[in-house]
Amino acid sequence: MKKRYMNSSRKVKIVIDTNVFVSGLLFGGIPKKVLNLWSRDKVIMCVSADLKAEIFNKLKNKFQVSTVFLSTFDIVFESKSDKYLPKKKIDLLKDKKDNFLLELAYEAKAEFLVTGDKELLTLKRFESTEIISPKQFLEKI
């Protein structure tokens, strides 16, 4: 029997990978449904300075999102996420720049890392964090 998290009063802690976050924000689909859970306070989104910087840099530099939008969104982002400063350095992935996601998940004791990254998904789990796709996450929730 699958564990259904939305039926409990406890909110799950999640880390949302940059690409899932940006895709949901700009393009919709399944990633947007994940973000909707966050925006409606159904889950706790865990962030670090590295994750926030990567999300905002991608929005600004790759997608040329306006500074007005970024400023407004920053207020929402800051008020609706739990901040962490990872202390443990992890060197597990071939793509070294993605290790910060594992560091954040570890520090936050997040139940889920929601990602589309194939290397992360092949891990399936890191410590107490289950690593799953947005679709898998919605099925579990």
N, C-alpha and C. Protein backbone atom coordinates (compact mmCIF):
# COMPACT_ATOMS: atom_id res chain seq x y z
N MET A 1 0.84 -1.19 0.00
CA MET A 1 0.00 0.00 0.00
C MET A 1 0.88 1.24 0.00
N LYS A 2 0.58 2.18 -0.89
CA LYS A 2 1.35 3.42 -0.98
C LYS A 2 1.02 4.34 0.18
N LYS A 3 2.05 4.99 0.68
CA LYS A 3 1.87 5.97 1.73
C LYS A 3 1.37 7.26 1.10
N ARG A 4 0.25 7.77 1.58
CA ARG A 4 -0.32 9.01 1.04
C ARG A 4 -0.08 10.12 2.06
N TYR A 5 0.67 11.13 1.66
CA TYR A 5 1.09 12.18 2.58
C TYR A 5 0.04 13.26 2.77
N MET A 6 -0.78 13.54 1.77
CA MET A 6 -1.73 14.64 1.87
C MET A 6 -2.85 14.34 2.87
N ASN A 7 -3.04 13.09 3.21
CA ASN A 7 -4.08 12.74 4.16
C ASN A 7 -3.66 13.02 5.60
N SER A 8 -2.39 13.23 5.84
CA SER A 8 -1.94 13.52 7.19
C SER A 8 -1.88 15.02 7.39
N SER A 9 -1.90 15.44 8.64
CA SER A 9 -1.85 16.87 8.93
C SER A 9 -0.42 17.40 8.87
N ARG A 10 0.55 16.50 8.83
CA ARG A 10 1.95 16.88 8.79
C ARG A 10 2.35 17.22 7.35
N LYS A 11 2.99 18.37 7.19
CA LYS A 11 3.47 18.76 5.87
C LYS A 11 4.83 18.11 5.62
N VAL A 12 5.04 17.63 4.41
CA VAL A 12 6.32 17.03 4.06
C VAL A 12 7.29 18.12 3.63
N LYS A 13 8.56 17.87 3.92
CA LYS A 13 9.63 18.79 3.52
C LYS A 13 10.21 18.29 2.21
N ILE A 14 10.28 19.22 1.25
CA ILE A 14 10.80 18.85 -0.07
C ILE A 14 11.85 19.85 -0.54
N VAL A 15 12.73 19.34 -1.39
CA VAL A 15 13.66 20.17 -2.15
C VAL A 15 13.22 20.03 -3.60
N ILE A 16 13.01 21.16 -4.26
CA ILE A 16 12.62 21.16 -5.67
C ILE A 16 13.82 21.61 -6.49
N ASP A 17 14.28 20.75 -7.38
CA ASP A 17 15.42 21.06 -8.23
C ASP A 17 15.11 22.29 -9.10
N THR A 18 16.15 23.01 -9.46
CA THR A 18 16.02 24.25 -10.23
C THR A 18 15.19 24.08 -11.49
N ASN A 19 15.49 23.06 -12.28
CA ASN A 19 14.80 22.89 -13.56
C ASN A 19 13.31 22.60 -13.37
N VAL A 20 12.96 21.85 -12.35
CA VAL A 20 11.56 21.58 -12.05
C VAL A 20 10.88 22.88 -11.63
N PHE A 21 11.55 23.64 -10.78
CA PHE A 21 10.99 24.89 -10.29
C PHE A 21 10.75 25.87 -11.44
N VAL A 22 11.76 26.09 -12.25
CA VAL A 22 11.66 27.04 -13.36
C VAL A 22 10.62 26.57 -14.38
N SER A 23 10.62 25.29 -14.67
CA SER A 23 9.65 24.74 -15.62
C SER A 23 8.22 24.95 -15.12
N GLY A 24 7.99 24.68 -13.86
CA GLY A 24 6.66 24.87 -13.29
C GLY A 24 6.23 26.33 -13.29
N LEU A 25 7.15 27.19 -13.00
CA LEU A 25 6.86 28.62 -12.93
C LEU A 25 6.56 29.21 -14.31
N LEU A 26 7.32 28.80 -15.31
CA LEU A 26 7.21 29.42 -16.63
C LEU A 26 6.37 28.64 -17.64
N PHE A 27 6.32 27.30 -17.50
CA PHE A 27 5.71 26.50 -18.56
C PHE A 27 4.52 25.66 -18.12
N GLY A 28 4.31 25.46 -16.83
CA GLY A 28 3.15 24.72 -16.36
C GLY A 28 3.35 23.23 -16.29
N GLY A 29 2.31 22.48 -16.60
CA GLY A 29 2.36 21.03 -16.60
C GLY A 29 2.51 20.44 -15.20
N ILE A 30 3.09 19.27 -15.15
CA ILE A 30 3.28 18.56 -13.88
C ILE A 30 4.14 19.37 -12.91
N PRO A 31 5.26 19.97 -13.36
CA PRO A 31 6.03 20.78 -12.41
C PRO A 31 5.21 21.90 -11.76
N LYS A 32 4.27 22.49 -12.51
CA LYS A 32 3.43 23.53 -11.93
C LYS A 32 2.54 22.97 -10.82
N LYS A 33 2.08 21.74 -10.98
CA LYS A 33 1.26 21.11 -9.94
C LYS A 33 2.07 20.93 -8.66
N VAL A 34 3.36 20.63 -8.81
CA VAL A 34 4.24 20.53 -7.63
C VAL A 34 4.35 21.91 -6.97
N LEU A 35 4.59 22.94 -7.76
CA LEU A 35 4.68 24.30 -7.21
C LEU A 35 3.37 24.75 -6.57
N ASN A 36 2.25 24.32 -7.12
CA ASN A 36 0.97 24.68 -6.53
C ASN A 36 0.83 24.13 -5.12
N LEU A 37 1.35 22.95 -4.88
CA LEU A 37 1.33 22.40 -3.52
C LEU A 37 2.11 23.30 -2.57
N TRP A 38 3.23 23.81 -3.04
CA TRP A 38 4.05 24.73 -2.25
C TRP A 38 3.32 26.06 -2.04
N SER A 39 2.79 26.62 -3.10
CA SER A 39 2.14 27.94 -2.99
C SER A 39 0.88 27.89 -2.12
N ARG A 40 0.24 26.72 -2.04
CA ARG A 40 -0.95 26.57 -1.19
C ARG A 40 -0.60 26.03 0.20
N ASP A 41 0.70 26.05 0.54
CA ASP A 41 1.18 25.62 1.86
C ASP A 41 0.85 24.17 2.19
N LYS A 42 0.83 23.32 1.19
CA LYS A 42 0.59 21.89 1.41
C LYS A 42 1.88 21.13 1.68
N VAL A 43 3.01 21.72 1.26
CA VAL A 43 4.34 21.15 1.49
C VAL A 43 5.27 22.27 1.96
N ILE A 44 6.36 21.89 2.56
CA ILE A 44 7.38 22.85 2.98
C ILE A 44 8.53 22.76 1.99
N MET A 45 8.80 23.86 1.29
CA MET A 45 9.93 23.86 0.37
C MET A 45 11.18 24.32 1.11
N CYS A 46 12.21 23.50 1.04
CA CYS A 46 13.49 23.77 1.70
C CYS A 46 14.44 24.35 0.67
N VAL A 47 15.08 25.48 1.02
CA VAL A 47 15.99 26.13 0.09
C VAL A 47 17.29 26.52 0.80
N SER A 48 18.31 26.65 0.01
CA SER A 48 19.60 27.17 0.47
C SER A 48 19.92 28.39 -0.39
N ALA A 49 20.92 29.12 0.00
CA ALA A 49 21.36 30.27 -0.80
C ALA A 49 21.76 29.81 -2.20
N ASP A 50 22.41 28.64 -2.30
CA ASP A 50 22.83 28.12 -3.61
C ASP A 50 21.64 27.82 -4.52
N LEU A 51 20.62 27.18 -3.96
CA LEU A 51 19.44 26.85 -4.76
C LEU A 51 18.71 28.11 -5.19
N LYS A 52 18.52 29.04 -4.28
CA LYS A 52 17.85 30.29 -4.63
C LYS A 52 18.62 31.02 -5.72
N ALA A 53 19.94 31.11 -5.58
CA ALA A 53 20.76 31.80 -6.58
C ALA A 53 20.64 31.14 -7.94
N GLU A 54 20.65 29.82 -7.97
CA GLU A 54 20.56 29.11 -9.25
C GLU A 54 19.20 29.35 -9.91
N ILE A 55 18.13 29.29 -9.12
CA ILE A 55 16.79 29.53 -9.67
C ILE A 55 16.69 30.95 -10.23
N PHE A 56 17.10 31.94 -9.44
CA PHE A 56 16.96 33.33 -9.88
C PHE A 56 17.90 33.65 -11.04
N ASN A 57 19.10 33.09 -11.04
CA ASN A 57 20.01 33.29 -12.17
C ASN A 57 19.45 32.71 -13.46
N LYS A 58 18.86 31.54 -13.37
CA LYS A 58 18.29 30.92 -14.57
C LYS A 58 17.10 31.74 -15.07
N LEU A 59 16.25 32.20 -14.16
CA LEU A 59 15.10 33.02 -14.56
C LEU A 59 15.56 34.31 -15.25
N LYS A 60 16.58 34.93 -14.67
CA LYS A 60 17.06 36.22 -15.20
C LYS A 60 17.88 36.05 -16.48
N ASN A 61 18.86 35.17 -16.45
CA ASN A 61 19.82 35.08 -17.55
C ASN A 61 19.37 34.21 -18.72
N LYS A 62 18.74 33.08 -18.43
CA LYS A 62 18.33 32.20 -19.52
C LYS A 62 16.97 32.59 -20.09
N PHE A 63 16.06 33.02 -19.21
CA PHE A 63 14.70 33.31 -19.65
C PHE A 63 14.35 34.80 -19.66
N GLN A 64 15.31 35.64 -19.32
CA GLN A 64 15.14 37.09 -19.34
C GLN A 64 13.85 37.57 -18.66
N VAL A 65 13.56 36.97 -17.50
CA VAL A 65 12.40 37.39 -16.72
C VAL A 65 12.70 38.79 -16.19
N SER A 66 11.69 39.64 -16.17
CA SER A 66 11.88 41.04 -15.78
C SER A 66 12.30 41.18 -14.32
N THR A 67 13.00 42.26 -14.03
CA THR A 67 13.42 42.52 -12.65
C THR A 67 12.21 42.80 -11.76
N VAL A 68 11.16 43.35 -12.32
CA VAL A 68 9.93 43.57 -11.54
C VAL A 68 9.35 42.23 -11.10
N PHE A 69 9.27 41.29 -12.04
CA PHE A 69 8.77 39.96 -11.70
C PHE A 69 9.67 39.32 -10.64
N LEU A 70 10.99 39.39 -10.86
CA LEU A 70 11.93 38.77 -9.91
C LEU A 70 11.80 39.38 -8.52
N SER A 71 11.65 40.69 -8.45
CA SER A 71 11.51 41.35 -7.15
C SER A 71 10.23 40.92 -6.44
N THR A 72 9.16 40.87 -7.18
CA THR A 72 7.88 40.44 -6.61
C THR A 72 7.94 38.99 -6.19
N PHE A 73 8.49 38.16 -7.08
CA PHE A 73 8.59 36.74 -6.78
C PHE A 73 9.51 36.48 -5.59
N ASP A 74 10.54 37.28 -5.44
CA ASP A 74 11.46 37.12 -4.31
C ASP A 74 10.73 37.24 -2.98
N ILE A 75 9.77 38.14 -2.90
CA ILE A 75 9.00 38.32 -1.66
C ILE A 75 8.23 37.04 -1.34
N VAL A 76 7.59 36.48 -2.34
CA VAL A 76 6.85 35.23 -2.16
C VAL A 76 7.81 34.10 -1.80
N PHE A 77 8.89 34.02 -2.54
CA PHE A 77 9.88 32.96 -2.33
C PHE A 77 10.41 32.99 -0.89
N GLU A 78 10.77 34.17 -0.41
CA GLU A 78 11.32 34.32 0.94
C GLU A 78 10.29 33.98 2.01
N SER A 79 9.06 34.36 1.79
CA SER A 79 8.04 34.16 2.83
C SER A 79 7.50 32.74 2.88
N LYS A 80 7.65 31.98 1.80
CA LYS A 80 7.03 30.67 1.73
C LYS A 80 8.02 29.51 1.68
N SER A 81 9.27 29.75 2.05
CA SER A 81 10.24 28.66 2.03
C SER A 81 11.04 28.65 3.33
N ASP A 82 11.49 27.46 3.69
CA ASP A 82 12.35 27.29 4.86
C ASP A 82 13.80 27.32 4.40
N LYS A 83 14.60 28.17 5.04
CA LYS A 83 15.99 28.34 4.63
C LYS A 83 16.94 27.47 5.45
N TYR A 84 17.94 26.93 4.76
CA TYR A 84 18.95 26.08 5.40
C TYR A 84 20.33 26.49 4.91
N LEU A 85 21.28 26.31 5.78
CA LEU A 85 22.69 26.54 5.45
C LEU A 85 23.40 25.20 5.63
N PRO A 86 23.53 24.44 4.54
CA PRO A 86 24.15 23.12 4.65
C PRO A 86 25.57 23.20 5.20
N LYS A 87 25.86 22.32 6.14
CA LYS A 87 27.18 22.28 6.77
C LYS A 87 28.03 21.15 6.22
N LYS A 88 27.39 20.06 5.83
CA LYS A 88 28.11 18.88 5.34
C LYS A 88 28.36 19.01 3.84
N LYS A 89 29.61 18.83 3.43
CA LYS A 89 29.96 18.82 2.00
C LYS A 89 29.82 17.40 1.47
N ILE A 90 29.16 17.28 0.33
CA ILE A 90 28.93 15.98 -0.28
C ILE A 90 29.54 16.00 -1.68
N ASP A 91 30.27 14.93 -1.99
CA ASP A 91 30.91 14.81 -3.30
C ASP A 91 30.57 13.44 -3.86
N LEU A 92 29.34 13.32 -4.37
CA LEU A 92 28.83 12.02 -4.78
C LEU A 92 28.53 11.95 -6.28
N LEU A 93 28.20 13.09 -6.88
CA LEU A 93 27.74 13.11 -8.25
C LEU A 93 28.85 13.43 -9.25
N LYS A 94 28.74 12.87 -10.45
CA LYS A 94 29.68 13.23 -11.52
C LYS A 94 29.55 14.70 -11.86
N ASP A 95 28.30 15.17 -11.92
CA ASP A 95 28.03 16.58 -12.18
C ASP A 95 28.15 17.31 -10.83
N LYS A 96 29.35 17.74 -10.52
CA LYS A 96 29.68 18.29 -9.19
C LYS A 96 28.78 19.45 -8.77
N LYS A 97 28.32 20.23 -9.75
CA LYS A 97 27.51 21.40 -9.42
C LYS A 97 26.16 21.02 -8.83
N ASP A 98 25.74 19.76 -8.92
CA ASP A 98 24.46 19.33 -8.37
C ASP A 98 24.56 18.77 -6.95
N ASN A 99 25.77 18.62 -6.44
CA ASN A 99 25.93 18.10 -5.08
C ASN A 99 25.26 18.99 -4.03
N PHE A 100 25.11 20.28 -4.33
CA PHE A 100 24.49 21.18 -3.35
C PHE A 100 23.05 20.78 -3.05
N LEU A 101 22.38 20.13 -4.00
CA LEU A 101 21.01 19.67 -3.75
C LEU A 101 20.98 18.56 -2.71
N LEU A 102 21.95 17.66 -2.79
CA LEU A 102 22.05 16.60 -1.78
C LEU A 102 22.41 17.17 -0.42
N GLU A 103 23.30 18.16 -0.42
CA GLU A 103 23.69 18.83 0.83
C GLU A 103 22.47 19.48 1.49
N LEU A 104 21.65 20.14 0.68
CA LEU A 104 20.45 20.79 1.20
C LEU A 104 19.46 19.75 1.72
N ALA A 105 19.21 18.72 0.94
CA ALA A 105 18.26 17.68 1.36
C ALA A 105 18.71 17.04 2.67
N TYR A 106 20.01 16.80 2.80
CA TYR A 106 20.56 16.21 4.01
C TYR A 106 20.38 17.15 5.21
N GLU A 107 20.73 18.40 5.04
CA GLU A 107 20.64 19.39 6.12
C GLU A 107 19.18 19.59 6.56
N ALA A 108 18.27 19.65 5.60
CA ALA A 108 16.87 19.91 5.89
C ALA A 108 16.13 18.66 6.37
N LYS A 109 16.77 17.51 6.19
CA LYS A 109 16.10 16.24 6.46
C LYS A 109 14.80 16.16 5.64
N ALA A 110 14.93 16.55 4.38
CA ALA A 110 13.78 16.57 3.47
C ALA A 110 13.35 15.14 3.15
N GLU A 111 12.05 14.94 3.08
CA GLU A 111 11.54 13.62 2.69
C GLU A 111 11.76 13.34 1.21
N PHE A 112 11.69 14.42 0.39
CA PHE A 112 11.78 14.25 -1.05
C PHE A 112 12.68 15.30 -1.69
N LEU A 113 13.40 14.86 -2.71
CA LEU A 113 14.09 15.74 -3.64
C LEU A 113 13.40 15.50 -4.97
N VAL A 114 12.70 16.53 -5.47
CA VAL A 114 11.92 16.42 -6.70
C VAL A 114 12.76 16.97 -7.84
N THR A 115 13.06 16.10 -8.81
CA THR A 115 14.00 16.45 -9.86
C THR A 115 13.68 15.71 -11.15
N GLY A 116 14.19 16.24 -12.24
CA GLY A 116 14.15 15.55 -13.52
C GLY A 116 15.53 15.10 -13.94
N ASP A 117 16.55 15.40 -13.11
CA ASP A 117 17.94 15.09 -13.41
C ASP A 117 18.17 13.58 -13.34
N LYS A 118 18.61 13.01 -14.47
CA LYS A 118 18.77 11.56 -14.55
C LYS A 118 19.79 11.01 -13.55
N GLU A 119 20.90 11.70 -13.36
CA GLU A 119 21.91 11.21 -12.42
C GLU A 119 21.35 11.17 -11.00
N LEU A 120 20.66 12.22 -10.61
CA LEU A 120 20.05 12.23 -9.27
C LEU A 120 18.98 11.15 -9.15
N LEU A 121 18.16 11.00 -10.18
CA LEU A 121 17.08 10.00 -10.12
C LEU A 121 17.61 8.58 -10.00
N THR A 122 18.78 8.30 -10.58
CA THR A 122 19.32 6.94 -10.48
C THR A 122 19.72 6.60 -9.04
N LEU A 123 19.98 7.62 -8.24
CA LEU A 123 20.30 7.35 -6.82
C LEU A 123 19.10 6.79 -6.08
N LYS A 124 17.89 7.24 -6.44
CA LYS A 124 16.63 6.86 -5.82
C LYS A 124 16.49 7.34 -4.37
N ARG A 125 17.57 7.36 -3.63
CA ARG A 125 17.52 7.78 -2.23
C ARG A 125 18.90 8.28 -1.84
N PHE A 126 18.92 9.30 -0.99
CA PHE A 126 20.15 9.75 -0.36
C PHE A 126 19.83 9.98 1.11
N GLU A 127 20.47 9.18 1.97
CA GLU A 127 20.18 9.23 3.41
C GLU A 127 18.67 9.06 3.59
N SER A 128 18.00 10.01 4.22
CA SER A 128 16.55 9.87 4.48
C SER A 128 15.68 10.49 3.39
N THR A 129 16.29 10.97 2.31
CA THR A 129 15.55 11.66 1.25
C THR A 129 15.32 10.75 0.05
N GLU A 130 14.06 10.63 -0.35
CA GLU A 130 13.72 9.90 -1.55
C GLU A 130 13.85 10.85 -2.74
N ILE A 131 14.51 10.41 -3.79
CA ILE A 131 14.74 11.24 -4.97
C ILE A 131 13.82 10.75 -6.08
N ILE A 132 12.87 11.62 -6.46
CA ILE A 132 11.83 11.20 -7.40
C ILE A 132 11.51 12.32 -8.39
N SER A 133 10.85 11.91 -9.47
CA SER A 133 10.42 12.86 -10.50
C SER A 133 9.18 13.61 -10.01
N PRO A 134 8.86 14.73 -10.67
CA PRO A 134 7.64 15.44 -10.30
C PRO A 134 6.39 14.55 -10.39
N LYS A 135 6.32 13.74 -11.43
CA LYS A 135 5.15 12.85 -11.59
C LYS A 135 5.07 11.85 -10.45
N GLN A 136 6.19 11.23 -10.09
CA GLN A 136 6.21 10.29 -8.98
C GLN A 136 5.81 10.98 -7.68
N PHE A 137 6.28 12.21 -7.50
CA PHE A 137 5.95 12.95 -6.29
C PHE A 137 4.45 13.18 -6.18
N LEU A 138 3.83 13.60 -7.26
CA LEU A 138 2.38 13.84 -7.24
C LEU A 138 1.60 12.55 -6.97
N GLU A 139 2.10 11.43 -7.48
CA GLU A 139 1.46 10.14 -7.22
C GLU A 139 1.55 9.78 -5.74
N LYS A 140 2.68 10.08 -5.12
CA LYS A 140 2.86 9.77 -3.68
C LYS A 140 2.04 10.68 -2.79
N ILE A 141 1.95 11.93 -3.20
CA ILE A 141 1.24 12.91 -2.39
C ILE A 141 -0.24 12.75 -2.58
